[in-house]
């Protein structure tokens, strides 16, 4: 068996535990590792979303079992996310996705600071406080397709920044991600079949994708349980620190690329 399988198996376990427990980072972590190995952005996004179809399904089941899902919010987020994901995939296979990255970083930084402020103040959460979930899902799906990861950071952080109850925001965002990843993967396949996108080299990462899937599916049940049992305020602190850290790290990377 290819050694890449076990490397990405470990990456998949770690990324899914963070993603399932905090509602973000599976795509970001997985895509970052692939890009660091020299995989082109479109290939990295396609690979990660193929894996997320399986890990997303396992994570969704876990969160449903632990009653971390708001069904009304799920429908609205998923519908918007599917549309945004399809459009983002089309854009990614047409132009350079790095153009939109600074905007994502700025959004992450703002949401991270808002979440940390709410954790510090101990603001009482609401079950559903974001008034327009479908447009939020559209934005999250678009950025997720463009960057290979971004659904959780955009959607979960925005929900929490607006005061949503952490477990509901995290569980529902994870459940909706399955539908978004499926739509994005189907669009990548369509782009290949129609000749819109040349996916040269995509098959070279089959073992890596297999490792991401195996590790993510194995970790998904534990992630749902972690979200259920972690204290609300501690969970809010963790998400806020993660979002802010991601924003700072990505800003440093972008600045380095411009030097």
Protein backbone atom coordinates (compact mmCIF):
# COMPACT_ATOMS: atom_id res chain seq x y z
CA UNK A 1 0.00 0.00 0.00
CA UNK A 2 1.23 3.48 -0.88
CA UNK A 3 2.76 5.34 2.14
CA UNK A 4 0.67 8.40 1.20
CA UNK A 5 -2.41 6.48 2.32
CA UNK A 6 -1.25 6.31 5.94
CA UNK A 7 -0.03 9.90 5.96
CA UNK A 8 -3.41 11.14 4.79
CA UNK A 9 -5.21 8.66 7.01
CA UNK A 10 -3.63 10.45 9.97
CA UNK A 11 -4.46 13.84 8.42
CA UNK A 12 -8.07 12.71 7.89
CA UNK A 13 -8.48 11.57 11.50
CA UNK A 14 -7.07 14.80 12.94
CA UNK A 15 -8.91 17.07 10.52
CA UNK A 16 -12.27 15.34 11.03
CA UNK A 17 -11.99 15.44 14.82
CA UNK A 18 -11.45 19.20 14.63
CA UNK A 19 -14.08 19.69 11.93
CA UNK A 20 -16.73 17.55 13.59
CA UNK A 21 -16.16 19.05 17.02
CA UNK A 22 -15.73 22.69 16.01
CA UNK A 23 -17.62 22.83 12.71
CA UNK A 24 -14.66 23.73 10.51
CA UNK A 25 -11.14 22.93 9.29
CA UNK A 26 -11.41 19.53 7.52
CA UNK A 27 -11.18 21.12 4.08
CA UNK A 28 -8.69 23.76 5.19
CA UNK A 29 -6.34 21.24 6.82
CA UNK A 30 -6.60 18.66 4.03
CA UNK A 31 -6.23 21.20 1.23
CA UNK A 32 -3.26 22.84 2.93
CA UNK A 33 -1.40 19.53 3.12
CA UNK A 34 -2.15 18.72 -0.53
CA UNK A 35 -1.09 22.18 -1.70
CA UNK A 36 2.10 21.91 0.35
CA UNK A 37 2.90 18.75 -1.62
CA UNK A 38 2.57 20.68 -4.89
CA UNK A 39 -0.95 19.62 -5.89
CA UNK A 40 -2.63 22.29 -8.12
CA UNK A 41 -5.50 24.20 -6.40
CA UNK A 42 -8.28 22.76 -8.58
CA UNK A 43 -6.99 19.20 -8.15
CA UNK A 44 -6.67 19.73 -4.39
CA UNK A 45 -10.24 21.03 -4.15
CA UNK A 46 -11.61 18.16 -6.24
CA UNK A 47 -9.74 15.59 -4.13
CA UNK A 48 -10.84 17.07 -0.80
CA UNK A 49 -14.48 17.34 -1.85
CA UNK A 50 -14.51 13.75 -3.07
CA UNK A 51 -13.36 12.76 0.41
CA UNK A 52 -15.86 15.11 2.07
CA UNK A 53 -18.80 13.32 0.43
CA UNK A 54 -18.01 10.27 2.58
CA UNK A 55 -16.76 12.01 5.72
CA UNK A 56 -19.62 14.50 5.51
CA UNK A 57 -22.18 11.69 5.45
CA UNK A 58 -20.59 10.01 8.47
CA UNK A 59 -20.34 13.31 10.35
CA UNK A 60 -23.96 14.18 9.56
CA UNK A 61 -25.20 10.87 10.95
CA UNK A 62 -23.14 11.37 14.10
CA UNK A 63 -24.52 14.87 14.72
CA UNK A 64 -28.09 13.71 14.04
CA UNK A 65 -27.70 10.90 16.58
CA UNK A 66 -26.46 13.37 19.21
CA UNK A 67 -29.24 15.84 18.31
CA UNK A 68 -26.91 18.62 17.23
CA UNK A 69 -28.92 19.45 14.07
CA UNK A 70 -31.52 22.20 13.51
CA UNK A 71 -33.56 20.88 10.58
CA UNK A 72 -34.94 24.22 9.39
CA UNK A 73 -31.46 25.71 9.35
CA UNK A 74 -30.11 22.60 7.60
CA UNK A 75 -32.50 22.96 4.66
CA UNK A 76 -31.76 26.65 4.16
CA UNK A 77 -27.98 26.30 4.47
CA UNK A 78 -27.80 23.26 2.20
CA UNK A 79 -29.92 24.82 -0.57
CA UNK A 80 -27.80 27.95 -0.66
CA UNK A 81 -24.56 25.99 -0.27
CA UNK A 82 -25.30 23.74 -3.24
CA UNK A 83 -25.87 26.72 -5.53
CA UNK A 84 -22.78 28.52 -4.26
CA UNK A 85 -20.65 25.40 -4.51
CA UNK A 86 -21.63 24.75 -8.12
CA UNK A 87 -20.86 28.35 -9.09
CA UNK A 88 -17.57 28.34 -7.17
CA UNK A 89 -16.47 25.12 -8.87
CA UNK A 90 -17.17 26.62 -12.28
CA UNK A 91 -15.14 29.72 -11.37
CA UNK A 92 -12.25 27.66 -9.94
CA UNK A 93 -11.97 25.61 -13.12
CA UNK A 94 -12.00 28.82 -15.17
CA UNK A 95 -9.79 31.35 -13.32
CA UNK A 96 -7.19 31.55 -10.56
CA UNK A 97 -8.93 30.99 -7.20
CA UNK A 98 -6.20 32.90 -5.34
CA UNK A 99 -7.88 36.14 -6.38
CA UNK A 100 -10.61 35.74 -3.73
CA UNK A 101 -8.42 34.45 -0.90
CA UNK A 102 -7.70 37.87 0.70
CA UNK A 103 -11.45 38.45 1.07
CA UNK A 104 -11.90 35.11 2.80
CA UNK A 105 -9.04 35.88 5.18
CA UNK A 106 -10.55 39.27 6.08
CA UNK A 107 -13.93 37.65 6.75
CA UNK A 108 -12.37 34.96 8.92
CA UNK A 109 -10.51 37.51 10.97
CA UNK A 110 -13.64 39.56 11.62
CA UNK A 111 -15.74 36.53 12.57
CA UNK A 112 -13.00 35.14 14.82
CA UNK A 113 -12.80 38.38 16.79
CA UNK A 114 -16.60 38.54 17.17
CA UNK A 115 -16.72 34.95 18.44
CA UNK A 116 -13.92 35.60 20.94
CA UNK A 117 -15.76 38.69 22.17
CA UNK A 118 -18.93 36.65 22.71
CA UNK A 119 -16.98 33.97 24.58
CA UNK A 120 -15.36 36.62 26.80
CA UNK A 121 -18.65 38.38 27.52
CA UNK A 122 -20.54 35.11 27.99
CA UNK A 123 -23.33 36.27 25.67
CA UNK A 124 -26.33 33.98 25.84
CA UNK A 125 -26.68 32.04 22.55
CA UNK A 126 -29.79 31.70 20.43
CA UNK A 127 -30.88 28.59 18.55
CA UNK A 128 -31.21 30.41 15.21
CA UNK A 129 -30.07 33.99 15.04
CA UNK A 130 -28.83 34.38 11.46
CA UNK A 131 -31.87 35.73 9.61
CA UNK A 132 -30.86 34.72 6.08
CA UNK A 133 -29.21 31.27 6.15
CA UNK A 134 -29.62 30.56 2.41
CA UNK A 135 -27.43 33.51 1.27
CA UNK A 136 -24.91 32.58 3.96
CA UNK A 137 -24.86 29.02 2.61
CA UNK A 138 -24.32 30.37 -0.90
CA UNK A 139 -21.28 32.39 0.20
CA UNK A 140 -19.89 29.47 2.20
CA UNK A 141 -20.37 27.02 -0.68
CA UNK A 142 -18.73 29.40 -3.14
CA UNK A 143 -15.64 29.96 -0.98
CA UNK A 144 -15.49 26.25 -0.12
CA UNK A 145 -15.27 25.29 -3.80
CA UNK A 146 -12.76 28.03 -4.57
CA UNK A 147 -10.34 27.22 -1.75
CA UNK A 148 -10.93 23.50 -1.18
CA UNK A 149 -12.09 24.44 2.31
CA UNK A 150 -14.08 27.32 3.67
CA UNK A 151 -17.59 26.05 4.29
CA UNK A 152 -17.10 25.62 8.02
CA UNK A 153 -14.99 28.73 8.65
CA UNK A 154 -17.46 30.96 6.79
CA UNK A 155 -20.77 29.38 7.85
CA UNK A 156 -20.03 28.17 11.38
CA UNK A 157 -18.11 31.30 12.33
CA UNK A 158 -20.86 33.56 10.99
CA UNK A 159 -23.59 31.65 12.81
CA UNK A 160 -21.64 31.79 16.04
CA UNK A 161 -20.69 35.40 15.47
CA UNK A 162 -24.39 36.26 15.21
CA UNK A 163 -25.11 34.43 18.49
CA UNK A 164 -26.26 30.96 17.42
CA UNK A 165 -26.06 28.10 19.94
CA UNK A 166 -22.66 26.41 19.28
CA UNK A 167 -23.80 22.77 19.15
CA UNK A 168 -26.65 23.55 16.76
CA UNK A 169 -24.45 25.74 14.56
CA UNK A 170 -21.64 23.16 14.40
CA UNK A 171 -23.84 20.08 13.95
CA UNK A 172 -26.08 21.68 11.33
CA UNK A 173 -23.16 23.10 9.37
CA UNK A 174 -21.50 19.69 9.29
CA UNK A 175 -24.69 17.98 8.16
CA UNK A 176 -25.25 20.51 5.38
CA UNK A 177 -21.66 20.06 4.21
CA UNK A 178 -22.50 16.61 2.86
CA UNK A 179 -24.93 18.09 0.32
CA UNK A 180 -22.52 20.88 -0.61
CA UNK A 181 -19.58 18.50 -1.10
CA UNK A 182 -21.74 16.18 -3.22
CA UNK A 183 -22.81 19.06 -5.48
CA UNK A 184 -19.24 20.33 -5.84
CA UNK A 185 -17.91 16.84 -6.63
CA UNK A 186 -20.64 16.32 -9.24
CA UNK A 187 -19.73 19.66 -10.84
CA UNK A 188 -16.05 18.70 -11.02
CA UNK A 189 -17.03 15.45 -12.74
CA UNK A 190 -19.25 17.36 -15.15
CA UNK A 191 -16.40 19.79 -15.91
CA UNK A 192 -14.15 16.85 -16.77
CA UNK A 193 -16.73 15.10 -18.96
CA UNK A 194 -17.58 18.26 -20.90
CA UNK A 195 -13.94 19.20 -21.42
CA UNK A 196 -14.31 22.44 -19.45
CA UNK A 197 -11.52 21.35 -17.08
CA UNK A 198 -8.36 19.37 -17.77
CA UNK A 199 -7.91 17.20 -14.68
CA UNK A 200 -4.44 15.96 -15.61
CA UNK A 201 -2.73 14.33 -12.64
CA UNK A 202 -5.90 13.93 -10.56
CA UNK A 203 -5.62 10.13 -10.49
CA UNK A 204 -2.12 10.45 -9.01
CA UNK A 205 -3.68 11.41 -5.68
CA UNK A 206 -6.04 8.43 -5.37
CA UNK A 207 -4.22 6.95 -2.36
CA UNK A 208 -4.21 10.34 -0.63
CA UNK A 209 -7.96 10.71 -1.13
CA UNK A 210 -8.49 7.17 0.11
CA UNK A 211 -6.55 7.96 3.27
CA UNK A 212 -8.57 11.14 3.88
CA UNK A 213 -11.81 9.19 3.49
CA UNK A 214 -10.79 6.30 5.76
CA UNK A 215 -9.43 8.56 8.50
CA UNK A 216 -12.35 10.98 8.34
CA UNK A 217 -15.04 8.29 8.44
CA UNK A 218 -13.33 6.58 11.40
CA UNK A 219 -13.16 9.85 13.40
CA UNK A 220 -16.65 11.19 12.57
CA UNK A 221 -18.61 9.39 15.36
CA UNK A 222 -16.23 10.71 18.02
CA UNK A 223 -16.50 14.25 16.64
CA UNK A 224 -20.26 14.35 17.14
CA UNK A 225 -19.87 13.16 20.71
CA UNK A 226 -17.22 15.80 21.43
CA UNK A 227 -19.57 18.55 20.27
CA UNK A 228 -22.31 17.16 22.51
CA UNK A 229 -20.28 17.01 25.73
CA UNK A 230 -17.96 20.03 25.52
CA UNK A 231 -19.16 23.05 27.58
CA UNK A 232 -20.78 25.77 25.45
CA UNK A 233 -18.46 28.58 26.53
CA UNK A 234 -15.34 26.44 26.13
CA UNK A 235 -16.55 25.40 22.68
CA UNK A 236 -17.06 29.04 21.73
CA UNK A 237 -13.54 29.92 22.89
CA UNK A 238 -12.06 27.04 20.90
CA UNK A 239 -13.90 28.00 17.71
CA UNK A 240 -12.96 31.66 18.10
CA UNK A 241 -9.29 30.86 18.60
CA UNK A 242 -9.29 28.45 15.67
CA UNK A 243 -10.93 30.94 13.28
CA UNK A 244 -8.64 33.78 14.36
CA UNK A 245 -5.59 31.53 14.10
CA UNK A 246 -6.58 30.41 10.59
CA UNK A 247 -7.05 34.02 9.51
CA UNK A 248 -3.67 35.10 10.89
CA UNK A 249 -1.89 32.10 9.37
CA UNK A 250 -3.46 32.61 5.95
CA UNK A 251 -2.70 36.35 6.06
CA UNK A 252 0.97 35.54 6.74
CA UNK A 253 1.02 33.08 3.84
CA UNK A 254 -0.57 35.60 1.48
CA UNK A 255 1.88 38.30 2.58
CA UNK A 256 4.76 35.91 2.03
CA UNK A 257 3.60 35.14 -1.48
CA UNK A 258 3.70 38.83 -2.33
CA UNK A 259 7.24 39.40 -1.11
